[in-house]
Amino acid sequence: MDNNHNVTELPKLEKSLNELLKQGAPQFLVQAIKAEVQFLLDYFTELQANGKQRVLRNGHLPEWHL
């Protein structure tokens, strides 16, 4: 490399940008969906039937019947 320039050679990345995006996109979607579900649960927390919360995350609380 010519020492008369202010150019720095970048190291070769092990993974391409496309590979990083392919790995990161599903994780981002999972986080976004979890945040949306939590928002909806918080929004409907006051909605109750027989003193029990009506809107629940599936499989997170004991089953109950009306």
C-alpha atoms as a PDB file:
ATOM      1  CA  MET A   1       0.000   0.000   0.000  1.00  0.00           C
ATOM      2  CA  ASP A   2       1.206   3.488  -0.841  1.00  0.00           C
ATOM      3  CA  ASN A   3       2.090   5.459   2.318  1.00  0.00           C
ATOM      4  CA  ASN A   4       1.142   8.763   0.654  1.00  0.00           C
ATOM      5  CA  HIS A   5      -2.594   8.175   1.172  1.00  0.00           C
ATOM      6  CA  ASN A   6      -4.830   8.169   4.221  1.00  0.00           C
ATOM      7  CA  VAL A   7      -6.502   4.932   3.216  1.00  0.00           C
ATOM      8  CA  THR A   8      -7.028   2.151   5.704  1.00  0.00           C
ATOM      9  CA  GLU A   9      -7.565  -1.363   4.531  1.00  0.00           C
ATOM     10  CA  LEU A  10     -10.594  -2.897   6.222  1.00  0.00           C
ATOM     11  CA  PRO A  11     -10.410  -6.437   7.514  1.00  0.00           C
ATOM     12  CA  LYS A  12     -12.481  -8.980   5.643  1.00  0.00           C
ATOM     13  CA  LEU A  13     -15.731  -9.700   7.430  1.00  0.00           C
ATOM     14  CA  GLU A  14     -16.475 -13.330   8.187  1.00  0.00           C
ATOM     15  CA  LYS A  15     -20.161 -12.862   7.492  1.00  0.00           C
ATOM     16  CA  SER A  16     -21.710 -10.800   4.752  1.00  0.00           C
ATOM     17  CA  LEU A  17     -24.317  -8.148   5.435  1.00  0.00           C
ATOM     18  CA  ASN A  18     -26.977 -10.397   3.907  1.00  0.00           C
ATOM     19  CA  GLU A  19     -26.117 -13.191   6.335  1.00  0.00           C
ATOM     20  CA  LEU A  20     -26.269 -10.817   9.294  1.00  0.00           C
ATOM     21  CA  LEU A  21     -29.658  -9.503   8.146  1.00  0.00           C
ATOM     22  CA  LYS A  22     -30.995 -13.023   7.685  1.00  0.00           C
ATOM     23  CA  GLN A  23     -30.015 -13.847  11.258  1.00  0.00           C
ATOM     24  CA  GLY A  24     -31.149 -10.540  12.761  1.00  0.00           C
ATOM     25  CA  ALA A  25     -34.494 -10.147  11.011  1.00  0.00           C
ATOM     26  CA  PRO A  26     -36.206 -13.137  12.688  1.00  0.00           C
ATOM     27  CA  GLN A  27     -34.934 -12.014  16.101  1.00  0.00           C
ATOM     28  CA  PHE A  28     -36.237  -8.512  15.456  1.00  0.00           C
ATOM     29  CA  LEU A  29     -39.637  -9.867  14.412  1.00  0.00           C
ATOM     30  CA  VAL A  30     -39.876 -12.016  17.567  1.00  0.00           C
ATOM     31  CA  GLN A  31     -39.100  -8.984  19.730  1.00  0.00           C
ATOM     32  CA  ALA A  32     -41.621  -6.835  17.854  1.00  0.00           C
ATOM     33  CA  ILE A  33     -44.379  -9.448  18.153  1.00  0.00           C
ATOM     34  CA  LYS A  34     -43.702  -9.939  21.870  1.00  0.00           C
ATOM     35  CA  ALA A  35     -43.875  -6.175  22.414  1.00  0.00           C
ATOM     36  CA  GLU A  36     -47.163  -5.953  20.489  1.00  0.00           C
ATOM     37  CA  VAL A  37     -48.703  -8.835  22.464  1.00  0.00           C
ATOM     38  CA  GLN A  38     -47.616  -7.249  25.738  1.00  0.00           C
ATOM     39  CA  PHE A  39     -49.132  -3.915  24.661  1.00  0.00           C
ATOM     40  CA  LEU A  40     -52.451  -5.613  23.889  1.00  0.00           C
ATOM     41  CA  LEU A  41     -52.417  -7.521  27.192  1.00  0.00           C
ATOM     42  CA  ASP A  42     -51.734  -4.297  29.076  1.00  0.00           C
ATOM     43  CA  TYR A  43     -54.438  -2.459  27.112  1.00  0.00           C
ATOM     44  CA  PHE A  44     -57.112  -5.057  27.891  1.00  0.00           C
ATOM     45  CA  THR A  45     -56.046  -5.772  31.466  1.00  0.00           C
ATOM     46  CA  GLU A  46     -59.239  -4.161  32.821  1.00  0.00           C
ATOM     47  CA  LEU A  47     -61.516  -6.411  30.729  1.00  0.00           C
ATOM     48  CA  GLN A  48     -62.720  -9.107  33.117  1.00  0.00           C
ATOM     49  CA  ALA A  49     -65.381 -11.789  33.436  1.00  0.00           C
ATOM     50  CA  ASN A  50     -66.315 -13.288  36.804  1.00  0.00           C
ATOM     51  CA  GLY A  51     -63.375 -11.457  38.354  1.00  0.00           C
ATOM     52  CA  LYS A  52     -60.856 -13.017  35.988  1.00  0.00           C
ATOM     53  CA  GLN A  53     -58.902 -11.396  33.216  1.00  0.00           C
ATOM     54  CA  ARG A  54     -60.537 -12.056  29.825  1.00  0.00           C
ATOM     55  CA  VAL A  55     -57.547 -11.437  27.568  1.00  0.00           C
ATOM     56  CA  LEU A  56     -54.653 -13.763  28.335  1.00  0.00           C
ATOM     57  CA  ARG A  57     -51.504 -14.969  26.663  1.00  0.00           C
ATOM     58  CA  ASN A  58     -52.231 -18.520  25.539  1.00  0.00           C
ATOM     59  CA  GLY A  59     -50.665 -21.128  27.787  1.00  0.00           C
ATOM     60  CA  HIS A  60     -49.392 -18.750  30.470  1.00  0.00           C
ATOM     61  CA  LEU A  61     -52.078 -19.111  33.145  1.00  0.00           C
ATOM     62  CA  PRO A  62     -54.208 -21.994  34.422  1.00  0.00           C
ATOM     63  CA  GLU A  63     -57.235 -22.816  32.306  1.00  0.00           C
ATOM     64  CA  TRP A  64     -60.552 -21.491  33.560  1.00  0.00           C
ATOM     65  CA  HIS A  65     -64.169 -21.741  32.423  1.00  0.00           C
ATOM     66  CA  LEU A  66     -67.031 -19.229  32.490  1.00  0.00           C
END
